[in-house]
């Protein structure tokens, strides 16, 4: 639902979820709304989904086990194996992925995410 991703309330819903996580902040980077912890990006809004950085093995497993997870390709550019995109029609449904967002924060804070 690409038209939905352009709705301002969609970003507000995602902000409300991610910015309540300890240490999380938001800013624009390369035209994308991105989320950071310890000055490292852990997630960003792209198209109809949210890109998320996780250990490569976890990212690969999620791509095979969940129908709403794909490789992350902002603006059609392939990213590393550590990045996946979770697509949800309703931004409020990202609350179901809260544990993955927390895992992403732990991963990038540990210094493995750049």
C-alpha atoms as a PDB file:
ATOM      1  CA  UNK A   1       0.000   0.000   0.000  1.00  0.00           C
ATOM      2  CA  UNK A   2       2.385   2.685  -1.211  1.00  0.00           C
ATOM      3  CA  UNK A   3      -0.117   5.528  -0.999  1.00  0.00           C
ATOM      4  CA  UNK A   4      -0.487   4.730   2.702  1.00  0.00           C
ATOM      5  CA  UNK A   5       3.271   5.110   3.265  1.00  0.00           C
ATOM      6  CA  UNK A   6       3.074   8.753   2.190  1.00  0.00           C
ATOM      7  CA  UNK A   7       0.411   9.614   4.780  1.00  0.00           C
ATOM      8  CA  UNK A   8       1.787  11.868   7.522  1.00  0.00           C
ATOM      9  CA  UNK A   9      -0.152   9.985  10.212  1.00  0.00           C
ATOM     10  CA  UNK A  10       1.703   6.787   9.221  1.00  0.00           C
ATOM     11  CA  UNK A  11       5.042   8.379  10.162  1.00  0.00           C
ATOM     12  CA  UNK A  12       3.498   9.762  13.358  1.00  0.00           C
ATOM     13  CA  UNK A  13       2.317   6.258  14.327  1.00  0.00           C
ATOM     14  CA  UNK A  14       5.776   4.808  13.654  1.00  0.00           C
ATOM     15  CA  UNK A  15       7.418   7.680  15.578  1.00  0.00           C
ATOM     16  CA  UNK A  16       5.123   7.003  18.533  1.00  0.00           C
ATOM     17  CA  UNK A  17       6.234   3.368  18.613  1.00  0.00           C
ATOM     18  CA  UNK A  18       9.967   3.696  17.949  1.00  0.00           C
ATOM     19  CA  UNK A  19      10.767   6.939  19.774  1.00  0.00           C
ATOM     20  CA  UNK A  20       9.532   5.516  23.071  1.00  0.00           C
ATOM     21  CA  UNK A  21      12.328   2.921  22.943  1.00  0.00           C
ATOM     22  CA  UNK A  22      15.224   3.851  25.280  1.00  0.00           C
ATOM     23  CA  UNK A  23      17.817   6.019  23.533  1.00  0.00           C
ATOM     24  CA  UNK A  24      16.004   6.151  20.183  1.00  0.00           C
ATOM     25  CA  UNK A  25      15.983   9.350  18.129  1.00  0.00           C
ATOM     26  CA  UNK A  26      14.837  10.264  14.624  1.00  0.00           C
ATOM     27  CA  UNK A  27      16.248  12.295  11.752  1.00  0.00           C
ATOM     28  CA  UNK A  28      16.244  12.360   7.961  1.00  0.00           C
ATOM     29  CA  UNK A  29      19.116  10.719   6.098  1.00  0.00           C
ATOM     30  CA  UNK A  30      19.275  10.560   2.297  1.00  0.00           C
ATOM     31  CA  UNK A  31      15.602  11.554   2.166  1.00  0.00           C
ATOM     32  CA  UNK A  32      14.490   8.695   4.441  1.00  0.00           C
ATOM     33  CA  UNK A  33      12.980   9.035   7.899  1.00  0.00           C
ATOM     34  CA  UNK A  34      15.536   7.143   9.975  1.00  0.00           C
ATOM     35  CA  UNK A  35      15.763   6.013  13.587  1.00  0.00           C
ATOM     36  CA  UNK A  36      18.999   5.942  15.547  1.00  0.00           C
ATOM     37  CA  UNK A  37      20.423   4.732  18.821  1.00  0.00           C
ATOM     38  CA  UNK A  38      23.946   5.682  19.959  1.00  0.00           C
ATOM     39  CA  UNK A  39      24.241   7.623  16.661  1.00  0.00           C
ATOM     40  CA  UNK A  40      23.785   4.397  14.638  1.00  0.00           C
ATOM     41  CA  UNK A  41      20.783   3.768  12.405  1.00  0.00           C
ATOM     42  CA  UNK A  42      18.680   0.769  13.426  1.00  0.00           C
ATOM     43  CA  UNK A  43      15.549   1.385  11.319  1.00  0.00           C
ATOM     44  CA  UNK A  44      14.090   3.631   8.624  1.00  0.00           C
ATOM     45  CA  UNK A  45      10.843   4.118   6.762  1.00  0.00           C
ATOM     46  CA  UNK A  46      11.063   3.135   3.110  1.00  0.00           C
ATOM     47  CA  UNK A  47       8.116   2.767   0.756  1.00  0.00           C
ATOM     48  CA  UNK A  48       5.365   0.663   2.333  1.00  0.00           C
ATOM     49  CA  UNK A  49       7.571  -0.680   5.099  1.00  0.00           C
ATOM     50  CA  UNK A  50      10.266  -0.194   7.685  1.00  0.00           C
ATOM     51  CA  UNK A  51      13.848  -1.235   7.079  1.00  0.00           C
ATOM     52  CA  UNK A  52      15.451  -2.864  10.106  1.00  0.00           C
ATOM     53  CA  UNK A  53      19.036  -3.938  10.852  1.00  0.00           C
ATOM     54  CA  UNK A  54      19.516  -7.330  12.518  1.00  0.00           C
ATOM     55  CA  UNK A  55      22.212 -10.011  12.540  1.00  0.00           C
ATOM     56  CA  UNK A  56      22.421 -11.512   9.025  1.00  0.00           C
ATOM     57  CA  UNK A  57      21.295 -14.978  10.175  1.00  0.00           C
ATOM     58  CA  UNK A  58      18.193 -13.522  11.866  1.00  0.00           C
ATOM     59  CA  UNK A  59      17.419 -11.343   8.836  1.00  0.00           C
ATOM     60  CA  UNK A  60      17.687 -14.330   6.487  1.00  0.00           C
ATOM     61  CA  UNK A  61      15.469 -16.485   8.710  1.00  0.00           C
ATOM     62  CA  UNK A  62      12.790 -13.779   8.851  1.00  0.00           C
ATOM     63  CA  UNK A  63      12.774 -13.437   5.055  1.00  0.00           C
ATOM     64  CA  UNK A  64      12.050 -17.150   4.721  1.00  0.00           C
ATOM     65  CA  UNK A  65       9.628 -17.499   7.623  1.00  0.00           C
ATOM     66  CA  UNK A  66       7.418 -14.412   7.265  1.00  0.00           C
ATOM     67  CA  UNK A  67       5.445 -13.328   4.226  1.00  0.00           C
ATOM     68  CA  UNK A  68       5.631  -9.631   5.098  1.00  0.00           C
ATOM     69  CA  UNK A  69       9.461  -9.523   5.317  1.00  0.00           C
ATOM     70  CA  UNK A  70      11.659  -8.835   2.291  1.00  0.00           C
ATOM     71  CA  UNK A  71      15.211  -7.723   1.601  1.00  0.00           C
ATOM     72  CA  UNK A  72      15.659  -4.007   2.181  1.00  0.00           C
ATOM     73  CA  UNK A  73      16.143  -2.021  -1.030  1.00  0.00           C
ATOM     74  CA  UNK A  74      15.626   1.704  -0.409  1.00  0.00           C
ATOM     75  CA  UNK A  75      15.109   3.508  -3.739  1.00  0.00           C
ATOM     76  CA  UNK A  76      15.812   0.190  -5.482  1.00  0.00           C
ATOM     77  CA  UNK A  77      19.366  -0.024  -4.119  1.00  0.00           C
ATOM     78  CA  UNK A  78      20.308  -3.372  -2.601  1.00  0.00           C
ATOM     79  CA  UNK A  79      21.564  -3.113   0.973  1.00  0.00           C
ATOM     80  CA  UNK A  80      23.537  -5.544   3.125  1.00  0.00           C
ATOM     81  CA  UNK A  81      22.216  -8.912   4.302  1.00  0.00           C
ATOM     82  CA  UNK A  82      21.722  -7.404   7.761  1.00  0.00           C
ATOM     83  CA  UNK A  83      18.872  -5.203   6.517  1.00  0.00           C
ATOM     84  CA  UNK A  84      15.318  -6.438   6.014  1.00  0.00           C
ATOM     85  CA  UNK A  85      12.065  -4.631   5.349  1.00  0.00           C
ATOM     86  CA  UNK A  86       8.876  -5.382   7.242  1.00  0.00           C
ATOM     87  CA  UNK A  87       5.786  -4.386   5.268  1.00  0.00           C
ATOM     88  CA  UNK A  88       2.521  -3.685   7.059  1.00  0.00           C
ATOM     89  CA  UNK A  89      -0.563  -1.989   5.597  1.00  0.00           C
ATOM     90  CA  UNK A  90      -1.490  -0.465   8.948  1.00  0.00           C
ATOM     91  CA  UNK A  91       1.371   1.292  10.757  1.00  0.00           C
ATOM     92  CA  UNK A  92      -0.229   0.454  14.122  1.00  0.00           C
ATOM     93  CA  UNK A  93       0.521  -3.217  13.388  1.00  0.00           C
ATOM     94  CA  UNK A  94       4.264  -2.554  13.789  1.00  0.00           C
ATOM     95  CA  UNK A  95       3.628  -2.866  17.523  1.00  0.00           C
ATOM     96  CA  UNK A  96       3.616  -6.627  16.829  1.00  0.00           C
ATOM     97  CA  UNK A  97       7.291  -6.280  15.794  1.00  0.00           C
ATOM     98  CA  UNK A  98       8.405  -4.450  18.941  1.00  0.00           C
ATOM     99  CA  UNK A  99      10.737  -7.282  19.996  1.00  0.00           C
ATOM    100  CA  UNK A 100      12.483  -7.124  16.600  1.00  0.00           C
ATOM    101  CA  UNK A 101      12.999  -3.373  16.983  1.00  0.00           C
ATOM    102  CA  UNK A 102      14.474  -3.954  20.443  1.00  0.00           C
ATOM    103  CA  UNK A 103      16.735  -6.690  19.030  1.00  0.00           C
ATOM    104  CA  UNK A 104      17.881  -4.280  16.320  1.00  0.00           C
ATOM    105  CA  UNK A 105      18.763  -1.630  18.890  1.00  0.00           C
ATOM    106  CA  UNK A 106      20.756  -4.163  20.913  1.00  0.00           C
ATOM    107  CA  UNK A 107      22.551  -5.294  17.737  1.00  0.00           C
ATOM    108  CA  UNK A 108      23.632  -1.818  16.613  1.00  0.00           C
ATOM    109  CA  UNK A 109      24.499  -0.703  20.171  1.00  0.00           C
ATOM    110  CA  UNK A 110      26.818  -3.703  20.483  1.00  0.00           C
ATOM    111  CA  UNK A 111      28.906  -2.095  17.751  1.00  0.00           C
ATOM    112  CA  UNK A 112      28.202  -4.570  14.997  1.00  0.00           C
ATOM    113  CA  UNK A 113      25.871  -2.202  13.144  1.00  0.00           C
ATOM    114  CA  UNK A 114      27.517   0.768  11.452  1.00  0.00           C
END
